[in-house]
Amino acid sequence: FTDTERLIGDAAKNQVALNPSNTVFDAKRLIGRKIDDPVVEADMKHWPFAVVGDGGKPKIKVEYKGEDKTFYPEEISSMVLVKMKEIAEAYLGQTVSNAVV
């Protein structure tokens, strides 16, 4: 996440050194877990981005467009899947409606 856009894939990797606290990875590791899960607590020690609790569920906290925002890990995964769909459609030159990931 930057002040102006969401970056996914290589674009995000290329700016991680400049913006580590807003560069999210490993979101899938949070899906289905509680904020007080020992695995989540251990992972949080190694991540440069913040993870906060919301009703016992973990949410990833970033600064986006000048505001603090929080996203569930499922939302982050959704953003990645949407980008994957866009890339596939651009490569194939047609709409993708059924895919297995």
N, C-alpha and C. Protein backbone atom coordinates (compact mmCIF):
# COMPACT_ATOMS: atom_id res chain seq x y z
N PHE A 1 0.85 -1.17 0.00
CA PHE A 1 0.00 0.00 0.00
C PHE A 1 0.89 1.24 0.00
N THR A 2 0.52 2.22 -0.81
CA THR A 2 1.23 3.49 -0.83
C THR A 2 0.22 4.60 -0.55
N ASP A 3 0.69 5.84 -0.65
CA ASP A 3 -0.22 6.96 -0.45
C ASP A 3 -1.27 7.05 -1.55
N THR A 4 -1.00 6.44 -2.71
CA THR A 4 -1.91 6.61 -3.84
C THR A 4 -2.50 5.33 -4.39
N GLU A 5 -1.89 4.17 -4.10
CA GLU A 5 -2.38 2.95 -4.75
C GLU A 5 -2.04 1.69 -3.97
N ARG A 6 -2.65 0.58 -4.40
CA ARG A 6 -2.31 -0.75 -3.91
C ARG A 6 -1.37 -1.37 -4.92
N LEU A 7 -0.26 -1.86 -4.47
CA LEU A 7 0.68 -2.55 -5.35
C LEU A 7 0.65 -4.03 -5.00
N ILE A 8 0.67 -4.87 -6.04
CA ILE A 8 0.62 -6.31 -5.84
C ILE A 8 1.67 -6.95 -6.73
N GLY A 9 2.33 -7.99 -6.22
CA GLY A 9 3.31 -8.72 -7.01
C GLY A 9 4.66 -8.02 -7.05
N ASP A 10 5.28 -8.01 -8.24
CA ASP A 10 6.62 -7.44 -8.39
C ASP A 10 6.67 -5.97 -7.99
N ALA A 11 5.63 -5.22 -8.31
CA ALA A 11 5.61 -3.80 -7.94
C ALA A 11 5.70 -3.63 -6.43
N ALA A 12 5.02 -4.48 -5.69
CA ALA A 12 5.07 -4.42 -4.23
C ALA A 12 6.45 -4.84 -3.72
N LYS A 13 7.01 -5.90 -4.29
CA LYS A 13 8.33 -6.36 -3.87
C LYS A 13 9.39 -5.30 -4.13
N ASN A 14 9.25 -4.55 -5.21
CA ASN A 14 10.24 -3.54 -5.56
C ASN A 14 10.25 -2.35 -4.61
N GLN A 15 9.19 -2.12 -3.87
CA GLN A 15 9.15 -0.98 -2.96
C GLN A 15 9.19 -1.37 -1.49
N VAL A 16 9.41 -2.64 -1.20
CA VAL A 16 9.37 -3.10 0.20
C VAL A 16 10.43 -2.41 1.06
N ALA A 17 11.61 -2.15 0.52
CA ALA A 17 12.66 -1.51 1.32
C ALA A 17 12.30 -0.08 1.69
N LEU A 18 11.52 0.58 0.85
CA LEU A 18 11.12 1.96 1.10
C LEU A 18 9.88 2.08 1.98
N ASN A 19 9.10 1.01 2.05
CA ASN A 19 7.79 1.09 2.70
C ASN A 19 7.45 -0.24 3.40
N PRO A 20 8.33 -0.72 4.29
CA PRO A 20 8.12 -2.06 4.86
C PRO A 20 6.86 -2.19 5.71
N SER A 21 6.48 -1.16 6.44
CA SER A 21 5.32 -1.29 7.33
C SER A 21 4.00 -1.34 6.59
N ASN A 22 4.02 -1.01 5.30
CA ASN A 22 2.81 -1.06 4.48
C ASN A 22 2.89 -2.14 3.40
N THR A 23 3.88 -3.01 3.50
CA THR A 23 4.03 -4.10 2.54
C THR A 23 3.60 -5.39 3.23
N VAL A 24 2.47 -5.92 2.81
CA VAL A 24 1.85 -7.07 3.47
C VAL A 24 2.18 -8.36 2.73
N PHE A 25 2.53 -9.38 3.49
CA PHE A 25 2.76 -10.71 2.93
C PHE A 25 2.33 -11.73 3.98
N ASP A 26 2.22 -12.97 3.58
CA ASP A 26 1.82 -14.06 4.49
C ASP A 26 0.40 -13.90 5.05
N ALA A 27 -0.46 -13.15 4.38
CA ALA A 27 -1.82 -12.94 4.89
C ALA A 27 -2.56 -14.27 5.06
N LYS A 28 -2.27 -15.24 4.19
CA LYS A 28 -2.96 -16.53 4.29
C LYS A 28 -2.69 -17.22 5.63
N ARG A 29 -1.56 -16.92 6.25
CA ARG A 29 -1.24 -17.54 7.54
C ARG A 29 -2.19 -17.09 8.65
N LEU A 30 -2.89 -15.99 8.43
CA LEU A 30 -3.81 -15.46 9.43
C LEU A 30 -5.24 -15.97 9.27
N ILE A 31 -5.56 -16.47 8.09
CA ILE A 31 -6.94 -16.89 7.82
C ILE A 31 -7.33 -18.05 8.73
N GLY A 32 -8.46 -17.89 9.40
CA GLY A 32 -8.97 -18.94 10.28
C GLY A 32 -8.35 -18.98 11.66
N ARG A 33 -7.48 -18.02 11.96
CA ARG A 33 -6.82 -18.00 13.27
C ARG A 33 -7.33 -16.83 14.10
N LYS A 34 -7.13 -16.93 15.40
CA LYS A 34 -7.47 -15.85 16.33
C LYS A 34 -6.21 -15.02 16.58
N ILE A 35 -6.40 -13.79 17.02
CA ILE A 35 -5.28 -12.89 17.27
C ILE A 35 -4.36 -13.43 18.37
N ASP A 36 -4.91 -14.21 19.32
CA ASP A 36 -4.10 -14.73 20.41
C ASP A 36 -3.54 -16.13 20.14
N ASP A 37 -3.69 -16.62 18.92
CA ASP A 37 -3.12 -17.91 18.52
C ASP A 37 -1.60 -17.82 18.64
N PRO A 38 -0.96 -18.81 19.26
CA PRO A 38 0.50 -18.77 19.41
C PRO A 38 1.25 -18.65 18.07
N VAL A 39 0.71 -19.24 17.02
CA VAL A 39 1.34 -19.14 15.70
C VAL A 39 1.29 -17.69 15.21
N VAL A 40 0.16 -17.04 15.38
CA VAL A 40 0.01 -15.64 14.97
C VAL A 40 0.95 -14.76 15.80
N GLU A 41 0.98 -14.99 17.11
CA GLU A 41 1.86 -14.19 17.97
C GLU A 41 3.32 -14.35 17.57
N ALA A 42 3.73 -15.56 17.22
CA ALA A 42 5.12 -15.79 16.79
C ALA A 42 5.39 -15.11 15.45
N ASP A 43 4.46 -15.22 14.51
CA ASP A 43 4.64 -14.60 13.19
C ASP A 43 4.73 -13.08 13.30
N MET A 44 3.92 -12.49 14.16
CA MET A 44 3.87 -11.04 14.29
C MET A 44 5.23 -10.46 14.68
N LYS A 45 6.05 -11.23 15.37
CA LYS A 45 7.37 -10.75 15.78
C LYS A 45 8.30 -10.56 14.59
N HIS A 46 7.98 -11.19 13.47
CA HIS A 46 8.86 -11.15 12.29
C HIS A 46 8.31 -10.28 11.16
N TRP A 47 7.10 -9.80 11.29
CA TRP A 47 6.48 -9.00 10.23
C TRP A 47 6.71 -7.52 10.46
N PRO A 48 7.02 -6.76 9.41
CA PRO A 48 7.20 -5.32 9.56
C PRO A 48 5.87 -4.55 9.61
N PHE A 49 4.78 -5.20 9.24
CA PHE A 49 3.46 -4.56 9.27
C PHE A 49 2.75 -4.92 10.57
N ALA A 50 1.78 -4.10 10.93
CA ALA A 50 1.06 -4.29 12.20
C ALA A 50 -0.15 -5.20 12.01
N VAL A 51 -0.38 -6.03 13.02
CA VAL A 51 -1.58 -6.87 13.07
C VAL A 51 -2.30 -6.52 14.37
N VAL A 52 -3.57 -6.18 14.25
CA VAL A 52 -4.36 -5.79 15.42
C VAL A 52 -5.57 -6.72 15.54
N GLY A 53 -6.14 -6.76 16.72
CA GLY A 53 -7.31 -7.60 16.94
C GLY A 53 -8.60 -6.84 16.74
N ASP A 54 -9.60 -7.54 16.22
CA ASP A 54 -10.94 -6.98 16.06
C ASP A 54 -11.92 -8.09 16.42
N GLY A 55 -12.39 -8.07 17.65
CA GLY A 55 -13.28 -9.13 18.11
C GLY A 55 -12.60 -10.48 18.14
N GLY A 56 -11.31 -10.49 18.43
CA GLY A 56 -10.55 -11.73 18.48
C GLY A 56 -9.96 -12.15 17.15
N LYS A 57 -10.37 -11.51 16.07
CA LYS A 57 -9.86 -11.85 14.74
C LYS A 57 -8.73 -10.89 14.36
N PRO A 58 -7.71 -11.40 13.69
CA PRO A 58 -6.61 -10.52 13.28
C PRO A 58 -6.98 -9.66 12.08
N LYS A 59 -6.52 -8.41 12.12
CA LYS A 59 -6.66 -7.50 10.99
C LYS A 59 -5.29 -6.86 10.75
N ILE A 60 -4.98 -6.64 9.50
CA ILE A 60 -3.70 -6.05 9.12
C ILE A 60 -3.89 -4.55 9.02
N LYS A 61 -3.02 -3.81 9.70
CA LYS A 61 -3.12 -2.35 9.74
C LYS A 61 -2.06 -1.74 8.82
N VAL A 62 -2.50 -0.89 7.91
CA VAL A 62 -1.60 -0.20 7.00
C VAL A 62 -2.03 1.26 6.87
N GLU A 63 -1.14 2.07 6.32
CA GLU A 63 -1.51 3.44 5.97
C GLU A 63 -1.75 3.46 4.47
N TYR A 64 -2.94 3.88 4.07
CA TYR A 64 -3.33 3.87 2.66
C TYR A 64 -4.05 5.17 2.36
N LYS A 65 -3.54 5.89 1.39
CA LYS A 65 -4.10 7.19 0.99
C LYS A 65 -4.18 8.15 2.18
N GLY A 66 -3.11 8.12 2.99
CA GLY A 66 -3.00 9.05 4.11
C GLY A 66 -3.81 8.71 5.34
N GLU A 67 -4.47 7.56 5.34
CA GLU A 67 -5.29 7.16 6.49
C GLU A 67 -4.89 5.77 6.97
N ASP A 68 -5.04 5.53 8.27
CA ASP A 68 -4.84 4.19 8.80
C ASP A 68 -6.05 3.34 8.43
N LYS A 69 -5.79 2.21 7.81
CA LYS A 69 -6.85 1.28 7.41
C LYS A 69 -6.52 -0.10 7.97
N THR A 70 -7.55 -0.87 8.24
CA THR A 70 -7.35 -2.26 8.65
C THR A 70 -8.12 -3.17 7.70
N PHE A 71 -7.50 -4.30 7.40
CA PHE A 71 -8.10 -5.27 6.48
C PHE A 71 -8.01 -6.66 7.10
N TYR A 72 -9.08 -7.42 6.95
CA TYR A 72 -9.01 -8.83 7.31
C TYR A 72 -8.10 -9.54 6.31
N PRO A 73 -7.46 -10.63 6.73
CA PRO A 73 -6.58 -11.34 5.80
C PRO A 73 -7.33 -11.85 4.56
N GLU A 74 -8.62 -12.16 4.71
CA GLU A 74 -9.41 -12.59 3.56
C GLU A 74 -9.54 -11.47 2.53
N GLU A 75 -9.59 -10.22 3.00
CA GLU A 75 -9.67 -9.08 2.09
C GLU A 75 -8.36 -8.92 1.32
N ILE A 76 -7.24 -9.11 2.00
CA ILE A 76 -5.93 -9.03 1.34
C ILE A 76 -5.83 -10.13 0.28
N SER A 77 -6.24 -11.35 0.63
CA SER A 77 -6.21 -12.46 -0.33
C SER A 77 -7.10 -12.16 -1.52
N SER A 78 -8.24 -11.55 -1.28
CA SER A 78 -9.15 -11.18 -2.36
C SER A 78 -8.48 -10.19 -3.32
N MET A 79 -7.75 -9.24 -2.78
CA MET A 79 -7.04 -8.27 -3.62
C MET A 79 -6.03 -8.97 -4.53
N VAL A 80 -5.33 -9.95 -3.98
CA VAL A 80 -4.35 -10.70 -4.77
C VAL A 80 -5.05 -11.51 -5.86
N LEU A 81 -6.15 -12.16 -5.52
CA LEU A 81 -6.89 -12.96 -6.51
C LEU A 81 -7.46 -12.09 -7.63
N VAL A 82 -7.95 -10.91 -7.30
CA VAL A 82 -8.46 -9.99 -8.33
C VAL A 82 -7.34 -9.61 -9.28
N LYS A 83 -6.15 -9.32 -8.73
CA LYS A 83 -5.01 -8.97 -9.58
C LYS A 83 -4.62 -10.16 -10.47
N MET A 84 -4.63 -11.37 -9.91
CA MET A 84 -4.31 -12.56 -10.71
C MET A 84 -5.29 -12.72 -11.87
N LYS A 85 -6.56 -12.46 -11.61
CA LYS A 85 -7.59 -12.56 -12.65
C LYS A 85 -7.32 -11.53 -13.75
N GLU A 86 -6.98 -10.30 -13.35
CA GLU A 86 -6.68 -9.25 -14.33
C GLU A 86 -5.49 -9.63 -15.20
N ILE A 87 -4.45 -10.19 -14.59
CA ILE A 87 -3.27 -10.61 -15.34
C ILE A 87 -3.62 -11.72 -16.32
N ALA A 88 -4.40 -12.69 -15.87
CA ALA A 88 -4.80 -13.81 -16.73
C ALA A 88 -5.63 -13.30 -17.91
N GLU A 89 -6.55 -12.39 -17.65
CA GLU A 89 -7.40 -11.86 -18.72
C GLU A 89 -6.58 -11.06 -19.73
N ALA A 90 -5.61 -10.30 -19.25
CA ALA A 90 -4.76 -9.53 -20.17
C ALA A 90 -3.92 -10.47 -21.03
N TYR A 91 -3.42 -11.53 -20.44
CA TYR A 91 -2.60 -12.50 -21.17
C TYR A 91 -3.43 -13.27 -22.19
N LEU A 92 -4.62 -13.69 -21.80
CA LEU A 92 -5.47 -14.51 -22.67
C LEU A 92 -6.27 -13.68 -23.66
N GLY A 93 -6.46 -12.41 -23.35
CA GLY A 93 -7.25 -11.55 -24.23
C GLY A 93 -8.74 -11.84 -24.17
N GLN A 94 -9.19 -12.43 -23.08
CA GLN A 94 -10.62 -12.72 -22.91
C GLN A 94 -10.95 -12.76 -21.43
N THR A 95 -12.24 -12.73 -21.14
CA THR A 95 -12.70 -12.76 -19.76
C THR A 95 -12.49 -14.14 -19.15
N VAL A 96 -12.02 -14.17 -17.92
CA VAL A 96 -11.86 -15.42 -17.18
C VAL A 96 -13.01 -15.50 -16.19
N SER A 97 -13.81 -16.56 -16.30
CA SER A 97 -14.93 -16.71 -15.38
C SER A 97 -14.85 -17.99 -14.55
N ASN A 98 -14.09 -18.96 -15.00
CA ASN A 98 -13.91 -20.20 -14.26
C ASN A 98 -12.42 -20.52 -14.23
N ALA A 99 -11.88 -20.63 -13.03
CA ALA A 99 -10.45 -20.92 -12.91
C ALA A 99 -10.20 -21.70 -11.62
N VAL A 100 -9.15 -22.47 -11.63
CA VAL A 100 -8.70 -23.19 -10.45
C VAL A 100 -7.35 -22.61 -10.07
N VAL A 101 -7.23 -22.23 -8.81
CA VAL A 101 -5.97 -21.64 -8.34
C VAL A 101 -5.27 -22.63 -7.44
